[in-house]
């Protein structure tokens, strides 16, 4: 009697094989789901990083140019030959990778691409020495940076067109990755009307 009761409580060979087969089929599916969720988390993280830096970059440039710029130059040499968008014949100018501006304090500032980063170029108010400050971190790369000015008429203020691409730095050229689904890049474009022109 005890032998029969113990036989009923034990697993048979077929039951054991079925349990092993079910576990063998569900584990790969479970790991595939976890792996897909992890890859999506990586993409979401990368997109949030480049969006945060791209939004910051365009906000800083847009606000500074709109509120402070008075005169626009095509070079950091401040002379009348380098002024752009001042007369009717100057608009529209072709896109370039830098423009410089003079503010109401007679100080110049500008933005330029510097090894896949956007840098702010300005003059120290105390010493008069020029300096640059990177506006992006090492996590992102900026490409296709272009800036240009235009005017719709002689009586209208100048408009600055600004565009660039931001992508997550993977260590490979052009933000490439071994997994195309993890590529994270955004395009930014805006038009800024100068208030003080």
Protein backbone atom coordinates (compact mmCIF):
# COMPACT_ATOMS: atom_id res chain seq x y z
CA UNK A 1 0.00 0.00 0.00
CA UNK A 2 2.80 2.37 0.79
CA UNK A 3 4.47 1.55 -2.51
CA UNK A 4 1.34 2.48 -4.48
CA UNK A 5 0.92 5.79 -2.61
CA UNK A 6 4.52 6.75 -3.24
CA UNK A 7 4.12 5.97 -6.94
CA UNK A 8 1.17 8.32 -7.19
CA UNK A 9 3.10 11.21 -5.57
CA UNK A 10 6.14 10.94 -7.88
CA UNK A 11 6.42 12.36 -11.42
CA UNK A 12 6.37 9.97 -14.31
CA UNK A 13 8.98 10.16 -17.04
CA UNK A 14 6.51 11.70 -19.50
CA UNK A 15 5.47 14.38 -17.02
CA UNK A 16 9.12 15.27 -16.42
CA UNK A 17 9.82 15.49 -20.17
CA UNK A 18 6.76 17.73 -20.68
CA UNK A 19 7.87 20.08 -17.87
CA UNK A 20 11.42 20.28 -19.29
CA UNK A 21 10.03 20.95 -22.80
CA UNK A 22 7.73 23.73 -21.56
CA UNK A 23 10.58 25.37 -19.66
CA UNK A 24 12.84 24.94 -22.69
CA UNK A 25 10.29 26.71 -24.91
CA UNK A 26 9.37 29.55 -22.54
CA UNK A 27 12.88 30.54 -21.38
CA UNK A 28 14.11 31.67 -24.83
CA UNK A 29 10.89 33.64 -25.36
CA UNK A 30 11.28 35.24 -21.93
CA UNK A 31 14.94 36.14 -22.60
CA UNK A 32 14.02 37.57 -26.03
CA UNK A 33 11.39 39.81 -24.43
CA UNK A 34 13.82 41.00 -21.74
CA UNK A 35 16.49 41.66 -24.38
CA UNK A 36 14.05 43.65 -26.56
CA UNK A 37 12.96 45.75 -23.57
CA UNK A 38 16.62 46.44 -22.71
CA UNK A 39 17.37 47.55 -26.28
CA UNK A 40 14.36 49.88 -26.25
CA UNK A 41 15.53 51.35 -22.93
CA UNK A 42 18.94 52.08 -24.53
CA UNK A 43 17.27 53.84 -27.46
CA UNK A 44 14.99 55.84 -25.16
CA UNK A 45 17.98 56.90 -23.04
CA UNK A 46 19.95 57.98 -26.12
CA UNK A 47 17.02 59.89 -27.57
CA UNK A 48 16.40 61.67 -24.28
CA UNK A 49 20.08 62.69 -24.08
CA UNK A 50 20.20 64.15 -27.60
CA UNK A 51 16.81 65.83 -27.19
CA UNK A 52 17.92 67.44 -23.93
CA UNK A 53 21.17 68.71 -25.46
CA UNK A 54 19.57 69.73 -28.77
CA UNK A 55 16.82 71.66 -26.99
CA UNK A 56 19.38 73.39 -24.77
CA UNK A 57 21.59 74.26 -27.74
CA UNK A 58 18.83 75.75 -29.86
CA UNK A 59 17.33 77.59 -26.88
CA UNK A 60 20.64 79.24 -25.95
CA UNK A 61 21.42 80.28 -29.52
CA UNK A 62 17.88 81.45 -30.27
CA UNK A 63 17.50 83.56 -27.14
CA UNK A 64 20.97 85.10 -27.31
CA UNK A 65 20.77 85.99 -30.99
CA UNK A 66 17.19 87.32 -30.76
CA UNK A 67 17.75 89.42 -27.66
CA UNK A 68 21.34 90.64 -28.04
CA UNK A 69 22.41 90.77 -31.70
CA UNK A 70 22.57 94.17 -33.37
CA UNK A 71 24.98 93.69 -36.29
CA UNK A 72 25.84 90.49 -38.19
CA UNK A 73 29.31 89.67 -39.55
CA UNK A 74 30.54 86.84 -41.74
CA UNK A 75 33.94 86.80 -40.03
CA UNK A 76 35.38 87.48 -36.60
CA UNK A 77 37.16 90.46 -38.15
CA UNK A 78 34.91 93.31 -37.17
CA UNK A 79 34.92 95.73 -40.09
CA UNK A 80 32.34 97.12 -42.51
CA UNK A 81 33.44 94.78 -45.33
CA UNK A 82 32.29 91.75 -43.30
CA UNK A 83 28.80 93.02 -42.40
CA UNK A 84 26.00 90.89 -43.84
CA UNK A 85 22.25 91.45 -44.14
CA UNK A 86 22.65 95.22 -43.78
CA UNK A 87 21.60 96.28 -47.27
CA UNK A 88 19.06 94.86 -49.68
CA UNK A 89 21.66 93.16 -51.90
CA UNK A 90 22.89 91.02 -49.00
CA UNK A 91 19.87 88.81 -48.62
CA UNK A 92 19.52 85.88 -48.71
CA UNK A 93 23.03 84.84 -47.76
CA UNK A 94 24.20 81.30 -48.42
CA UNK A 95 24.36 79.02 -45.37
CA UNK A 96 27.74 78.88 -43.63
CA UNK A 97 29.04 77.17 -40.52
CA UNK A 98 29.49 80.39 -38.53
CA UNK A 99 28.27 83.98 -38.21
CA UNK A 100 29.33 86.58 -35.67
CA UNK A 101 27.22 89.22 -33.97
CA UNK A 102 27.83 92.51 -32.17
CA UNK A 103 25.67 93.22 -29.14
CA UNK A 104 24.66 96.55 -27.62
CA UNK A 105 27.80 96.56 -25.43
CA UNK A 106 29.97 96.44 -28.60
CA UNK A 107 31.10 92.89 -27.77
CA UNK A 108 31.10 90.18 -30.42
CA UNK A 109 29.76 86.66 -30.06
CA UNK A 110 29.01 83.85 -32.42
CA UNK A 111 28.49 80.13 -32.85
CA UNK A 112 30.55 77.72 -34.89
CA UNK A 113 31.03 74.02 -35.37
CA UNK A 114 34.19 72.75 -33.70
CA UNK A 115 35.01 69.03 -34.14
CA UNK A 116 31.39 67.84 -34.11
CA UNK A 117 30.48 70.21 -31.27
CA UNK A 118 28.94 73.64 -31.31
CA UNK A 119 31.05 76.26 -29.60
CA UNK A 120 30.14 79.75 -28.54
CA UNK A 121 32.82 82.27 -29.49
CA UNK A 122 32.95 85.56 -27.55
CA UNK A 123 35.28 88.18 -26.11
CA UNK A 124 36.13 88.42 -22.43
CA UNK A 125 34.78 91.77 -21.20
CA UNK A 126 37.69 92.37 -18.81
CA UNK A 127 40.76 91.31 -20.80
CA UNK A 128 39.40 91.65 -24.34
CA UNK A 129 40.69 88.15 -25.18
CA UNK A 130 38.56 85.88 -27.39
CA UNK A 131 37.44 82.53 -26.00
CA UNK A 132 35.21 79.63 -26.96
CA UNK A 133 32.89 77.48 -24.85
CA UNK A 134 31.53 74.11 -25.95
CA UNK A 135 27.75 74.03 -25.70
CA UNK A 136 27.43 70.26 -26.08
CA UNK A 137 28.79 67.36 -24.05
CA UNK A 138 30.84 64.38 -25.11
CA UNK A 139 27.71 62.21 -25.37
CA UNK A 140 26.41 63.91 -28.52
CA UNK A 141 27.77 64.91 -31.90
CA UNK A 142 26.53 67.85 -33.96
CA UNK A 143 26.68 67.75 -37.75
CA UNK A 144 25.31 69.65 -40.75
CA UNK A 145 25.45 72.90 -38.78
CA UNK A 146 24.44 75.85 -40.95
CA UNK A 147 23.55 79.43 -40.18
CA UNK A 148 22.54 82.19 -42.57
CA UNK A 149 20.78 85.54 -42.54
CA UNK A 150 18.10 86.99 -44.77
CA UNK A 151 15.79 89.99 -45.00
CA UNK A 152 12.43 90.18 -46.72
CA UNK A 153 12.77 93.93 -47.34
CA UNK A 154 15.01 96.84 -46.44
CA UNK A 155 12.65 97.89 -43.64
CA UNK A 156 12.29 94.47 -42.04
CA UNK A 157 14.65 93.09 -39.40
CA UNK A 158 17.16 90.44 -40.38
CA UNK A 159 16.23 86.81 -39.84
CA UNK A 160 18.73 84.16 -38.91
CA UNK A 161 18.13 80.63 -40.22
CA UNK A 162 19.73 77.97 -38.08
CA UNK A 163 19.80 74.19 -38.57
CA UNK A 164 21.81 71.24 -37.34
CA UNK A 165 21.61 67.52 -36.62
CA UNK A 166 22.34 65.98 -33.22
CA UNK A 167 23.14 62.30 -32.72
CA UNK A 168 24.31 60.10 -29.87
CA UNK A 169 28.06 59.45 -29.94
CA UNK A 170 28.64 55.71 -30.24
CA UNK A 171 32.38 56.00 -30.84
CA UNK A 172 31.97 55.08 -34.50
CA UNK A 173 31.98 57.57 -37.40
CA UNK A 174 28.66 59.32 -38.11
CA UNK A 175 27.12 57.94 -34.89
CA UNK A 176 26.90 54.50 -36.47
CA UNK A 177 26.23 51.42 -34.37
CA UNK A 178 26.27 47.68 -34.85
CA UNK A 179 22.53 47.70 -34.20
CA UNK A 180 20.66 50.11 -36.51
CA UNK A 181 17.66 50.16 -34.18
CA UNK A 182 19.81 51.92 -31.55
CA UNK A 183 20.69 54.89 -33.77
CA UNK A 184 19.43 58.08 -32.15
CA UNK A 185 19.46 61.36 -34.06
CA UNK A 186 17.30 64.47 -34.33
CA UNK A 187 17.18 67.41 -36.75
CA UNK A 188 16.74 70.97 -35.46
CA UNK A 189 15.79 73.98 -37.53
CA UNK A 190 14.56 77.44 -36.62
CA UNK A 191 14.27 81.01 -37.88
CA UNK A 192 15.12 83.87 -35.52
CA UNK A 193 14.03 87.49 -36.08
CA UNK A 194 16.42 89.96 -34.52
CA UNK A 195 14.77 92.43 -32.15
CA UNK A 196 17.50 95.07 -32.12
CA UNK A 197 18.52 95.07 -35.79
